[in-house]
Each structure stands twice: as C-alpha cells, then as structure tokens.
PDB file of N, CA and C in Angstrom:
ATOM      1  N   MET A   1      -2.077  57.457 140.308  1.00  0.00           N
ATOM      2  CA  MET A   1      -2.873  56.909 138.875  1.00  0.00           C
ATOM      3  C   MET A   1      -2.412  55.718 138.336  1.00  0.00           C
ATOM      4  N   GLN A   2      -3.192  54.086 138.080  1.00  0.00           N
ATOM      5  CA  GLN A   2      -2.822  53.645 137.819  1.00  0.00           C
ATOM      6  C   GLN A   2      -2.320  53.805 136.343  1.00  0.00           C
ATOM      7  N   GLU A   3      -1.204  52.817 135.948  1.00  0.00           N
ATOM      8  CA  GLU A   3      -0.083  53.228 134.610  1.00  0.00           C
ATOM      9  C   GLU A   3      -1.286  53.207 133.597  1.00  0.00           C
ATOM     10  N   LEU A   4      -2.221  51.649 133.479  1.00  0.00           N
ATOM     11  CA  LEU A   4      -2.608  51.583 133.017  1.00  0.00           C
ATOM     12  C   LEU A   4      -3.441  52.230 132.770  1.00  0.00           C
ATOM     13  N   THR A   5      -4.668  53.098 133.191  1.00  0.00           N
ATOM     14  CA  THR A   5      -5.658  53.960 133.513  1.00  0.00           C
ATOM     15  C   THR A   5      -4.815  54.718 132.207  1.00  0.00           C
ATOM     16  N   ALA A   6      -4.201  55.581 132.957  1.00  0.00           N
ATOM     17  CA  ALA A   6      -3.306  56.816 132.099  1.00  0.00           C
ATOM     18  C   ALA A   6      -3.008  56.215 130.698  1.00  0.00           C
ATOM     19  N   TRP A   7      -1.976  54.780 130.342  1.00  0.00           N
ATOM     20  CA  TRP A   7      -1.751  54.982 129.204  1.00  0.00           C
ATOM     21  C   TRP A   7      -2.985  55.092 128.513  1.00  0.00           C
ATOM     22  N   VAL A   8      -4.227  53.976 128.354  1.00  0.00           N
ATOM     23  CA  VAL A   8      -5.679  54.179 127.847  1.00  0.00           C
ATOM     24  C   VAL A   8      -5.741  55.587 127.819  1.00  0.00           C
ATOM     25  N   LEU A   9      -6.233  56.359 128.470  1.00  0.00           N
ATOM     26  CA  LEU A   9      -6.907  57.654 128.150  1.00  0.00           C
ATOM     27  C   LEU A   9      -5.781  58.568 127.650  1.00  0.00           C
ATOM     28  N   SER A  10      -4.691  58.120 127.670  1.00  0.00           N
ATOM     29  CA  SER A  10      -3.210  58.937 127.026  1.00  0.00           C
ATOM     30  C   SER A  10      -3.662  58.401 125.462  1.00  0.00           C
ATOM     31  N   GLU A  11      -3.640  57.445 125.256  1.00  0.00           N
ATOM     32  CA  GLU A  11      -3.714  56.273 123.765  1.00  0.00           C
ATOM     33  C   GLU A  11      -5.813  56.869 123.615  1.00  0.00           C
ATOM     34  N   SER A  12      -6.460  57.003 123.861  1.00  0.00           N
ATOM     35  CA  SER A  12      -7.940  57.233 123.256  1.00  0.00           C
ATOM     36  C   SER A  12      -7.439  58.396 122.677  1.00  0.00           C
ATOM     37  N   LEU A  13      -7.076  59.483 123.835  1.00  0.00           N
ATOM     38  CA  LEU A  13      -8.010  61.133 123.133  1.00  0.00           C
ATOM     39  C   LEU A  13      -6.549  61.538 123.092  1.00  0.00           C
ATOM     40  N   ALA A  14      -5.771  60.885 122.291  1.00  0.00           N
ATOM     41  CA  ALA A  14      -4.229  61.117 121.306  1.00  0.00           C
ATOM     42  C   ALA A  14      -5.211  60.089 119.679  1.00  0.00           C
ATOM     43  N   GLN A  15      -5.803  58.664 119.787  1.00  0.00           N
ATOM     44  CA  GLN A  15      -6.239  58.890 118.561  1.00  0.00           C
ATOM     45  C   GLN A  15      -7.914  59.479 118.195  1.00  0.00           C
ATOM     46  N   CYS A  16      -8.785  59.903 119.638  1.00  0.00           N
ATOM     47  CA  CYS A  16      -9.889  60.845 119.325  1.00  0.00           C
ATOM     48  C   CYS A  16      -8.977  61.940 118.510  1.00  0.00           C
ATOM     49  N   ALA A  17      -8.031  62.339 118.796  1.00  0.00           N
ATOM     50  CA  ALA A  17      -7.189  64.325 118.330  1.00  0.00           C
ATOM     51  C   ALA A  17      -7.035  63.886 116.597  1.00  0.00           C
ATOM     52  N   GLU A  18      -6.631  62.402 116.643  1.00  0.00           N
ATOM     53  CA  GLU A  18      -6.130  61.988 115.287  1.00  0.00           C
ATOM     54  C   GLU A  18      -6.993  61.878 114.075  1.00  0.00           C
ATOM     55  N   TRP A  19      -8.285  61.606 114.471  1.00  0.00           N
ATOM     56  CA  TRP A  19      -9.999  61.334 114.076  1.00  0.00           C
ATOM     57  C   TRP A  19     -10.401  62.933 113.508  1.00  0.00           C
ATOM     58  N   ARG A  20      -9.965  63.104 114.762  1.00  0.00           N
ATOM     59  CA  ARG A  20     -11.407  64.946 114.843  1.00  0.00           C
ATOM     60  C   ARG A  20     -10.190  66.058 113.014  1.00  0.00           C
ATOM     61  N   ASP A  21      -8.515  65.559 113.406  1.00  0.00           N
ATOM     62  CA  ASP A  21      -8.280  65.969 112.357  1.00  0.00           C
ATOM     63  C   ASP A  21      -8.201  65.991 111.089  1.00  0.00           C
ATOM     64  N   SER A  22      -8.321  64.540 111.564  1.00  0.00           N
ATOM     65  CA  SER A  22      -9.019  63.581 109.815  1.00  0.00           C
ATOM     66  C   SER A  22     -10.813  64.389 109.074  1.00  0.00           C
ATOM     67  N   GLY A  23     -11.007  64.956 109.748  1.00  0.00           N
ATOM     68  CA  GLY A  23     -12.674  65.637 109.683  1.00  0.00           C
ATOM     69  C   GLY A  23     -13.342  64.968 110.121  1.00  0.00           C
ATOM     70  N   ARG A  24     -13.441  63.652 110.516  1.00  0.00           N
ATOM     71  CA  ARG A  24     -14.103  62.641 111.932  1.00  0.00           C
ATOM     72  C   ARG A  24     -14.638  62.341 112.883  1.00  0.00           C
ATOM     73  N   LYS A  25     -16.110  63.513 113.676  1.00  0.00           N
ATOM     74  CA  LYS A  25     -16.018  63.907 114.765  1.00  0.00           C
ATOM     75  C   LYS A  25     -16.785  63.365 115.761  1.00  0.00           C
ATOM     76  N   LEU A  26     -15.863  62.048 116.130  1.00  0.00           N
ATOM     77  CA  LEU A  26     -16.183  61.209 116.916  1.00  0.00           C
ATOM     78  C   LEU A  26     -16.207  61.386 118.066  1.00  0.00           C
ATOM     79  N   ILE A  27     -16.626  60.726 119.124  1.00  0.00           N
ATOM     80  CA  ILE A  27     -16.733  60.900 121.235  1.00  0.00           C
ATOM     81  C   ILE A  27     -15.681  59.371 121.566  1.00  0.00           C
ATOM     82  N   MET A  28     -15.252  59.784 122.330  1.00  0.00           N
ATOM     83  CA  MET A  28     -14.610  58.495 122.866  1.00  0.00           C
ATOM     84  C   MET A  28     -15.143  58.269 124.159  1.00  0.00           C
ATOM     85  N   SER A  29     -15.074  57.265 124.300  1.00  0.00           N
ATOM     86  CA  SER A  29     -16.134  56.239 125.762  1.00  0.00           C
ATOM     87  C   SER A  29     -14.381  55.456 126.126  1.00  0.00           C
ATOM     88  N   VAL A  30     -15.121  56.047 127.536  1.00  0.00           N
ATOM     89  CA  VAL A  30     -13.590  55.122 128.646  1.00  0.00           C
ATOM     90  C   VAL A  30     -13.905  54.663 129.419  1.00  0.00           C
ATOM     91  N   ASN A  31     -14.012  53.888 129.953  1.00  0.00           N
ATOM     92  CA  ASN A  31     -14.167  53.080 131.418  1.00  0.00           C
ATOM     93  C   ASN A  31     -13.805  53.096 132.145  1.00  0.00           C
ATOM     94  N   ILE A  32     -13.451  53.293 133.325  1.00  0.00           N
ATOM     95  CA  ILE A  32     -12.472  53.300 134.558  1.00  0.00           C
ATOM     96  C   ILE A  32     -13.057  52.753 136.172  1.00  0.00           C
ATOM     97  N   THR A  33     -12.455  52.612 136.610  1.00  0.00           N
ATOM     98  CA  THR A  33     -12.564  51.694 138.054  1.00  0.00           C
ATOM     99  C   THR A  33     -12.840  53.012 139.010  1.00  0.00           C
ATOM    100  N   THR A  34     -13.869  52.373 139.945  1.00  0.00           N
ATOM    101  CA  THR A  34     -14.082  53.112 141.111  1.00  0.00           C
ATOM    102  C   THR A  34     -12.716  53.843 142.008  1.00  0.00           C
ATOM    103  N   THR A  35     -11.776  52.583 141.680  1.00  0.00           N
ATOM    104  CA  THR A  35     -10.218  53.690 142.084  1.00  0.00           C
ATOM    105  C   THR A  35      -9.690  54.704 141.142  1.00  0.00           C
ATOM    106  N   ASN A  36      -9.623  55.205 140.075  1.00  0.00           N
ATOM    107  CA  ASN A  36      -9.284  55.698 138.815  1.00  0.00           C
ATOM    108  C   ASN A  36     -10.671  56.922 139.573  1.00  0.00           C
ATOM    109  N   LEU A  37     -11.762  56.253 139.602  1.00  0.00           N
ATOM    110  CA  LEU A  37     -12.709  57.883 139.678  1.00  0.00           C
ATOM    111  C   LEU A  37     -11.717  58.696 141.167  1.00  0.00           C
ATOM    112  N   LEU A  38     -11.974  58.465 141.826  1.00  0.00           N
ATOM    113  CA  LEU A  38     -11.843  58.188 143.652  1.00  0.00           C
ATOM    114  C   LEU A  38     -10.177  58.529 143.331  1.00  0.00           C
ATOM    115  N   GLU A  39      -9.380  58.189 142.601  1.00  0.00           N
ATOM    116  CA  GLU A  39      -7.918  58.773 143.175  1.00  0.00           C
ATOM    117  C   GLU A  39      -8.146  60.122 142.710  1.00  0.00           C
ATOM    118  N   ASP A  40      -6.923  60.874 143.343  1.00  0.00           N
ATOM    119  CA  ASP A  40      -6.270  61.569 143.254  1.00  0.00           C
ATOM    120  C   ASP A  40      -5.545  62.038 142.463  1.00  0.00           C
ATOM    121  N   GLY A  41      -5.444  63.443 141.567  1.00  0.00           N
ATOM    122  CA  GLY A  41      -4.956  63.560 140.616  1.00  0.00           C
ATOM    123  C   GLY A  41      -5.794  63.024 139.039  1.00  0.00           C
ATOM    124  N   PHE A  42      -6.657  62.331 138.923  1.00  0.00           N
ATOM    125  CA  PHE A  42      -7.644  61.715 138.274  1.00  0.00           C
ATOM    126  C   PHE A  42      -7.559  62.477 137.415  1.00  0.00           C
ATOM    127  N   THR A  43      -8.525  63.163 137.910  1.00  0.00           N
ATOM    128  CA  THR A  43      -8.969  64.695 137.105  1.00  0.00           C
ATOM    129  C   THR A  43      -8.455  65.622 136.205  1.00  0.00           C
ATOM    130  N   ASP A  44      -7.066  65.805 137.485  1.00  0.00           N
ATOM    131  CA  ASP A  44      -5.808  66.721 137.078  1.00  0.00           C
ATOM    132  C   ASP A  44      -5.897  65.755 135.142  1.00  0.00           C
ATOM    133  N   LEU A  45      -5.511  64.866 135.291  1.00  0.00           N
ATOM    134  CA  LEU A  45      -4.726  63.929 134.290  1.00  0.00           C
ATOM    135  C   LEU A  45      -6.038  63.855 133.211  1.00  0.00           C
ATOM    136  N   VAL A  46      -6.916  63.858 133.003  1.00  0.00           N
ATOM    137  CA  VAL A  46      -8.132  63.999 132.460  1.00  0.00           C
ATOM    138  C   VAL A  46      -7.984  65.602 131.666  1.00  0.00           C
ATOM    139  N   ALA A  47      -7.533  66.450 132.312  1.00  0.00           N
ATOM    140  CA  ALA A  47      -7.616  67.687 131.467  1.00  0.00           C
ATOM    141  C   ALA A  47      -6.345  68.018 131.139  1.00  0.00           C
ATOM    142  N   LYS A  48      -5.351  67.314 131.674  1.00  0.00           N
ATOM    143  CA  LYS A  48      -3.846  66.889 130.630  1.00  0.00           C
ATOM    144  C   LYS A  48      -3.641  66.707 129.966  1.00  0.00           C
ATOM    145  N   LEU A  49      -4.323  65.672 129.597  1.00  0.00           N
ATOM    146  CA  LEU A  49      -5.235  64.472 128.491  1.00  0.00           C
ATOM    147  C   LEU A  49      -5.384  65.232 126.757  1.00  0.00           C
ATOM    148  N   LEU A  50      -6.633  66.011 127.673  1.00  0.00           N
ATOM    149  CA  LEU A  50      -7.452  66.405 126.446  1.00  0.00           C
ATOM    150  C   LEU A  50      -6.659  68.108 126.108  1.00  0.00           C
ATOM    151  N   ARG A  51      -6.145  68.399 126.953  1.00  0.00           N
ATOM    152  CA  ARG A  51      -5.754  70.418 126.563  1.00  0.00           C
ATOM    153  C   ARG A  51      -3.484  69.790 126.259  1.00  0.00           C
ATOM    154  N   GLN A  52      -3.721  68.572 125.804  1.00  0.00           N
ATOM    155  CA  GLN A  52      -2.300  67.987 124.954  1.00  0.00           C
ATOM    156  C   GLN A  52      -2.218  67.556 123.849  1.00  0.00           C
ATOM    157  N   ASN A  53      -4.394  67.194 123.880  1.00  0.00           N
ATOM    158  CA  ASN A  53      -4.478  66.682 122.207  1.00  0.00           C
ATOM    159  C   ASN A  53      -5.115  67.517 121.923  1.00  0.00           C
ATOM    160  N   ASN A  54      -5.424  68.864 122.274  1.00  0.00           N
ATOM    161  CA  ASN A  54      -5.934  69.925 121.375  1.00  0.00           C
ATOM    162  C   ASN A  54      -7.415  69.469 121.764  1.00  0.00           C
ATOM    163  N   LEU A  55      -8.164  68.698 122.617  1.00  0.00           N
ATOM    164  CA  LEU A  55      -9.568  68.588 122.387  1.00  0.00           C
ATOM    165  C   LEU A  55     -10.607  69.387 123.631  1.00  0.00           C
ATOM    166  N   THR A  56     -11.834  68.951 123.492  1.00  0.00           N
ATOM    167  CA  THR A  56     -12.635  70.044 124.573  1.00  0.00           C
ATOM    168  C   THR A  56     -13.130  68.634 125.345  1.00  0.00           C
ATOM    169  N   GLY A  57     -13.367  68.234 126.704  1.00  0.00           N
ATOM    170  CA  GLY A  57     -14.214  68.172 127.435  1.00  0.00           C
ATOM    171  C   GLY A  57     -14.634  67.298 126.415  1.00  0.00           C
ATOM    172  N   SER A  58     -16.480  68.027 125.567  1.00  0.00           N
ATOM    173  CA  SER A  58     -17.227  67.311 124.495  1.00  0.00           C
ATOM    174  C   SER A  58     -16.872  66.433 124.442  1.00  0.00           C
ATOM    175  N   SER A  59     -15.571  65.459 123.657  1.00  0.00           N
ATOM    176  CA  SER A  59     -14.908  64.834 123.099  1.00  0.00           C
ATOM    177  C   SER A  59     -14.458  63.426 123.615  1.00  0.00           C
ATOM    178  N   LEU A  60     -15.511  63.604 125.377  1.00  0.00           N
ATOM    179  CA  LEU A  60     -14.759  62.362 126.068  1.00  0.00           C
ATOM    180  C   LEU A  60     -15.761  61.668 127.047  1.00  0.00           C
ATOM    181  N   VAL A  61     -16.343  60.579 126.600  1.00  0.00           N
ATOM    182  CA  VAL A  61     -17.565  59.733 127.402  1.00  0.00           C
ATOM    183  C   VAL A  61     -16.578  59.113 129.188  1.00  0.00           C
ATOM    184  N   ILE A  62     -17.448  59.596 130.303  1.00  0.00           N
ATOM    185  CA  ILE A  62     -16.328  58.366 131.290  1.00  0.00           C
ATOM    186  C   ILE A  62     -17.072  57.996 131.294  1.00  0.00           C
ATOM    187  N   GLU A  63     -17.081  56.312 131.366  1.00  0.00           N
ATOM    188  CA  GLU A  63     -18.425  55.220 131.943  1.00  0.00           C
ATOM    189  C   GLU A  63     -17.693  55.112 133.216  1.00  0.00           C
ATOM    190  N   ILE A  64     -18.793  54.779 134.200  1.00  0.00           N
ATOM    191  CA  ILE A  64     -18.371  53.906 135.396  1.00  0.00           C
ATOM    192  C   ILE A  64     -19.155  53.672 136.035  1.00  0.00           C
ATOM    193  N   THR A  65     -19.182  52.231 136.578  1.00  0.00           N
ATOM    194  CA  THR A  65     -20.006  51.275 137.621  1.00  0.00           C
ATOM    195  C   THR A  65     -21.069  52.138 138.325  1.00  0.00           C
ATOM    196  N   GLU A  66     -22.060  51.716 138.556  1.00  0.00           N
ATOM    197  CA  GLU A  66     -22.444  52.151 140.018  1.00  0.00           C
ATOM    198  C   GLU A  66     -22.610  51.793 140.929  1.00  0.00           C
ATOM    199  N   THR A  67     -21.605  50.524 141.413  1.00  0.00           N
ATOM    200  CA  THR A  67     -20.786  50.271 142.118  1.00  0.00           C
ATOM    201  C   THR A  67     -19.379  51.182 142.223  1.00  0.00           C
ATOM    202  N   SER A  68     -18.911  51.551 141.704  1.00  0.00           N
ATOM    203  CA  SER A  68     -17.853  53.015 142.171  1.00  0.00           C
ATOM    204  C   SER A  68     -18.413  54.165 142.341  1.00  0.00           C
ATOM    205  N   ILE A  69     -19.727  54.529 142.531  1.00  0.00           N
ATOM    206  CA  ILE A  69     -20.620  55.845 143.368  1.00  0.00           C
ATOM    207  C   ILE A  69     -20.782  55.183 144.655  1.00  0.00           C
ATOM    208  N   ILE A  70     -21.429  53.905 144.082  1.00  0.00           N
ATOM    209  CA  ILE A  70     -22.179  53.610 146.312  1.00  0.00           C
ATOM    210  C   ILE A  70     -20.786  53.509 146.981  1.00  0.00           C
ATOM    211  N   THR A  71     -19.514  53.273 146.465  1.00  0.00           N
ATOM    212  CA  THR A  71     -18.541  53.357 147.698  1.00  0.00           C
ATOM    213  C   THR A  71     -18.176  54.702 148.742  1.00  0.00           C
ATOM    214  N   ASP A  72     -18.368  55.292 147.615  1.00  0.00           N
ATOM    215  CA  ASP A  72     -18.203  56.966 149.089  1.00  0.00           C
ATOM    216  C   ASP A  72     -18.642  57.879 147.775  1.00  0.00           C
ATOM    217  N   PHE A  73     -20.096  57.587 148.288  1.00  0.00           N
ATOM    218  CA  PHE A  73     -21.028  58.415 147.184  1.00  0.00           C
ATOM    219  C   PHE A  73     -21.439  59.965 147.278  1.00  0.00           C
ATOM    220  N   ALA A  74     -20.968  60.845 148.246  1.00  0.00           N
ATOM    221  CA  ALA A  74     -20.244  61.702 148.445  1.00  0.00           C
ATOM    222  C   ALA A  74     -19.201  62.599 147.088  1.00  0.00           C
ATOM    223  N   ARG A  75     -17.344  61.509 147.375  1.00  0.00           N
ATOM    224  CA  ARG A  75     -17.176  61.897 147.119  1.00  0.00           C
ATOM    225  C   ARG A  75     -17.097  61.553 145.890  1.00  0.00           C
ATOM    226  N   SER A  76     -17.703  60.886 144.895  1.00  0.00           N
ATOM    227  CA  SER A  76     -17.493  60.371 143.710  1.00  0.00           C
ATOM    228  C   SER A  76     -18.665  61.312 143.001  1.00  0.00           C
ATOM    229  N   LYS A  77     -19.577  61.868 143.766  1.00  0.00           N
ATOM    230  CA  LYS A  77     -20.770  62.927 143.341  1.00  0.00           C
ATOM    231  C   LYS A  77     -19.844  64.232 142.900  1.00  0.00           C
ATOM    232  N   ALA A  78     -18.925  64.350 144.424  1.00  0.00           N
ATOM    233  CA  ALA A  78     -18.361  65.429 143.519  1.00  0.00           C
ATOM    234  C   ALA A  78     -17.044  65.596 142.386  1.00  0.00           C
ATOM    235  N   VAL A  79     -16.873  64.221 142.215  1.00  0.00           N
ATOM    236  CA  VAL A  79     -15.419  64.598 140.366  1.00  0.00           C
ATOM    237  C   VAL A  79     -16.510  64.403 139.764  1.00  0.00           C
ATOM    238  N   ILE A  80     -17.560  63.325 139.347  1.00  0.00           N
ATOM    239  CA  ILE A  80     -18.405  63.526 138.802  1.00  0.00           C
ATOM    240  C   ILE A  80     -19.092  65.272 138.353  1.00  0.00           C
ATOM    241  N   GLU A  81     -19.470  65.579 138.878  1.00  0.00           N
ATOM    242  CA  GLU A  81     -19.231  66.921 138.731  1.00  0.00           C
ATOM    243  C   GLU A  81     -18.149  67.936 138.185  1.00  0.00           C
ATOM    244  N   LEU A  82     -17.192  67.803 139.294  1.00  0.00           N
ATOM    245  CA  LEU A  82     -16.147  68.365 138.745  1.00  0.00           C
ATOM    246  C   LEU A  82     -15.366  67.614 136.562  1.00  0.00           C
ATOM    247  N   LEU A  83     -16.313  66.659 136.096  1.00  0.00           N
ATOM    248  CA  LEU A  83     -15.594  66.250 135.032  1.00  0.00           C
ATOM    249  C   LEU A  83     -16.359  66.722 134.750  1.00  0.00           C
ATOM    250  N   LYS A  84     -17.970  67.347 135.157  1.00  0.00           N
ATOM    251  CA  LYS A  84     -19.034  67.471 133.981  1.00  0.00           C
ATOM    252  C   LYS A  84     -19.008  69.147 133.630  1.00  0.00           C
ATOM    253  N   THR A  85     -18.246  69.679 134.597  1.00  0.00           N
ATOM    254  CA  THR A  85     -18.396  71.158 134.657  1.00  0.00           C
ATOM    255  C   THR A  85     -17.154  71.225 133.153  1.00  0.00           C
ATOM    256  N   MET A  86     -16.447  69.930 132.762  1.00  0.00           N
ATOM    257  CA  MET A  86     -15.213  70.572 132.031  1.00  0.00           C
ATOM    258  C   MET A  86     -16.210  69.972 130.748  1.00  0.00           C
ATOM    259  N   GLY A  87     -16.873  69.101 130.827  1.00  0.00           N
ATOM    260  CA  GLY A  87     -17.399  69.149 129.597  1.00  0.00           C
ATOM    261  C   GLY A  87     -17.786  67.731 128.573  1.00  0.00           C
ATOM    262  N   ILE A  88     -17.312  67.050 129.951  1.00  0.00           N
ATOM    263  CA  ILE A  88     -17.509  65.751 129.797  1.00  0.00           C
ATOM    264  C   ILE A  88     -18.518  65.251 130.082  1.00  0.00           C
ATOM    265  N   VAL A  89     -19.329  63.940 129.299  1.00  0.00           N
ATOM    266  CA  VAL A  89     -20.253  63.379 129.861  1.00  0.00           C
ATOM    267  C   VAL A  89     -19.950  61.641 131.169  1.00  0.00           C
ATOM    268  N   VAL A  90     -20.524  61.864 131.300  1.00  0.00           N
ATOM    269  CA  VAL A  90     -20.378  60.548 132.690  1.00  0.00           C
ATOM    270  C   VAL A  90     -21.192  59.803 132.481  1.00  0.00           C
ATOM    271  N   SER A  91     -21.063  58.714 131.865  1.00  0.00           N
ATOM    272  CA  SER A  91     -21.776  57.619 132.360  1.00  0.00           C
ATOM    273  C   SER A  91     -22.003  56.343 133.193  1.00  0.00           C
ATOM    274  N   ILE A  92     -22.954  56.104 133.375  1.00  0.00           N
ATOM    275  CA  ILE A  92     -23.141  55.076 134.471  1.00  0.00           C
ATOM    276  C   ILE A  92     -23.456  53.620 134.247  1.00  0.00           C
ATOM    277  N   ASP A  93     -23.111  52.796 134.027  1.00  0.00           N
ATOM    278  CA  ASP A  93     -23.253  52.184 133.345  1.00  0.00           C
ATOM    279  C   ASP A  93     -23.676  50.572 134.444  1.00  0.00           C
ATOM    280  N   ASP A  94     -24.378  49.417 134.047  1.00  0.00           N
ATOM    281  CA  ASP A  94     -24.146  48.670 135.056  1.00  0.00           C
ATOM    282  C   ASP A  94     -25.870  49.502 136.131  1.00  0.00           C
ATOM    283  N   PHE A  95     -26.613  50.089 134.961  1.00  0.00           N
ATOM    284  CA  PHE A  95     -27.678  50.558 136.162  1.00  0.00           C
ATOM    285  C   PHE A  95     -28.681  49.717 136.423  1.00  0.00           C
ATOM    286  N   ARG A  96     -29.089  50.165 137.903  1.00  0.00           N
ATOM    287  CA  ARG A  96     -30.184  49.011 137.880  1.00  0.00           C
ATOM    288  C   ARG A  96     -29.580  47.796 138.946  1.00  0.00           C
ATOM    289  N   CYS A  97     -28.261  47.736 138.991  1.00  0.00           N
ATOM    290  CA  CYS A  97     -27.212  47.105 139.800  1.00  0.00           C
ATOM    291  C   CYS A  97     -26.666  46.826 141.100  1.00  0.00           C
ATOM    292  N   GLY A  98     -28.169  47.826 141.837  1.00  0.00           N
ATOM    293  CA  GLY A  98     -28.044  48.040 143.463  1.00  0.00           C
ATOM    294  C   GLY A  98     -27.578  49.039 143.976  1.00  0.00           C
ATOM    295  N   PHE A  99     -28.101  49.905 143.023  1.00  0.00           N
ATOM    296  CA  PHE A  99     -27.846  51.012 143.498  1.00  0.00           C
ATOM    297  C   PHE A  99     -28.808  52.050 143.997  1.00  0.00           C
ATOM    298  N   HIS A 100     -29.088  52.351 144.514  1.00  0.00           N
ATOM    299  CA  HIS A 100     -30.731  53.193 144.855  1.00  0.00           C
ATOM    300  C   HIS A 100     -31.358  54.295 144.268  1.00  0.00           C
ATOM    301  N   VAL A 101     -31.705  53.569 143.039  1.00  0.00           N
ATOM    302  CA  VAL A 101     -32.821  54.739 141.937  1.00  0.00           C
ATOM    303  C   VAL A 101     -33.239  56.022 142.610  1.00  0.00           C
ATOM    304  N   ALA A 102     -33.099  56.458 143.573  1.00  0.00           N
ATOM    305  CA  ALA A 102     -33.620  57.060 144.108  1.00  0.00           C
ATOM    306  C   ALA A 102     -32.747  58.773 144.599  1.00  0.00           C
ATOM    307  N   ARG A 103     -31.372  57.859 143.962  1.00  0.00           N
ATOM    308  CA  ARG A 103     -29.978  58.976 144.740  1.00  0.00           C
ATOM    309  C   ARG A 103     -29.817  58.931 143.218  1.00  0.00           C
ATOM    310  N   VAL A 104     -29.956  58.855 142.052  1.00  0.00           N
ATOM    311  CA  VAL A 104     -29.293  58.779 140.736  1.00  0.00           C
ATOM    312  C   VAL A 104     -29.951  60.540 140.466  1.00  0.00           C
ATOM    313  N   PRO A 105     -31.146  60.971 141.033  1.00  0.00           N
ATOM    314  CA  PRO A 105     -30.661  62.362 140.664  1.00  0.00           C
ATOM    315  C   PRO A 105     -29.957  63.384 141.943  1.00  0.00           C
ATOM    316  N   GLU A 106     -29.563  63.003 142.539  1.00  0.00           N
ATOM    317  CA  GLU A 106     -28.584  63.421 143.256  1.00  0.00           C
ATOM    318  C   GLU A 106     -26.824  64.174 142.115  1.00  0.00           C
ATOM    319  N   LEU A 107     -27.172  63.393 141.375  1.00  0.00           N
ATOM    320  CA  LEU A 107     -26.122  63.318 140.536  1.00  0.00           C
ATOM    321  C   LEU A 107     -26.508  64.487 139.221  1.00  0.00           C
ATOM    322  N   SER A 108     -27.906  64.890 138.994  1.00  0.00           N
ATOM    323  CA  SER A 108     -27.785  65.934 138.189  1.00  0.00           C
ATOM    324  C   SER A 108     -27.357  65.663 137.233  1.00  0.00           C
ATOM    325  N   ARG A 109     -28.619  64.697 136.498  1.00  0.00           N
ATOM    326  CA  ARG A 109     -27.809  64.287 134.813  1.00  0.00           C
ATOM    327  C   ARG A 109     -27.791  65.151 133.959  1.00  0.00           C
ATOM    328  N   GLY A 110     -26.858  64.568 133.170  1.00  0.00           N
ATOM    329  CA  GLY A 110     -26.969  65.744 132.284  1.00  0.00           C
ATOM    330  C   GLY A 110     -27.060  64.961 130.640  1.00  0.00           C
ATOM    331  N   ARG A 111     -26.135  65.074 129.914  1.00  0.00           N
ATOM    332  CA  ARG A 111     -26.697  64.736 128.267  1.00  0.00           C
ATOM    333  C   ARG A 111     -26.372  63.555 128.600  1.00  0.00           C
TER     334      ARG A 111
END
C-alpha cells in the first residue's frame, strides 16, 4: 500500500469518527488511484481503519476513475463488489470519459 494513500485514509476516517462523536453524521469521501484499488491488501486496510475508528462502511465513499476500471475490469469489479459488501459506497468519477457505457450495469449500481 502506498504510504500516502494509507495516511489519507487513516486521517480521513479518524476525522470522520471525531465528527461523528461530536454529533455530526457526515460521510467521508476519498479518491483513490488505479494502483490502490487493485493493490493487494487495500480492502483489508480499509476494513481495519473502519474498525479502528469504530465506523461502519456507510461512513465512507471511495471515488475511483473510470480509467482504473478499464485497466483490469474483472479484478476491479471484484474489489468494488467486496467494498460494497462492507457497506462502502463506490463512486465512479469522470463518467463518460472513455468507459464503455454498456459495461456500467455490470458493476451493479448501488446508491
């Protein structure tokens, strides 16, 4: 895992937990790269940080670019589905910038 991404996720979720503890029900959104999405251990890190901060997956939105999905569609889909089972919303950024629209339903859109 890239150190910067791990730090951003850690700090973002810690801040989200602090806000929640003070009564603010906010959701944290974090952009990640293709490398992060497909990197071994990424989903484990996210799960660990959610647990450490006593947060549910619904506290987090992970934003990825279409380009990252195109790189390895099958693997990207599997990771996205795993994140969604954790309650995390996955947002596809830069929609219509090169991704074939016919494949979007394959990602089983959530909220």
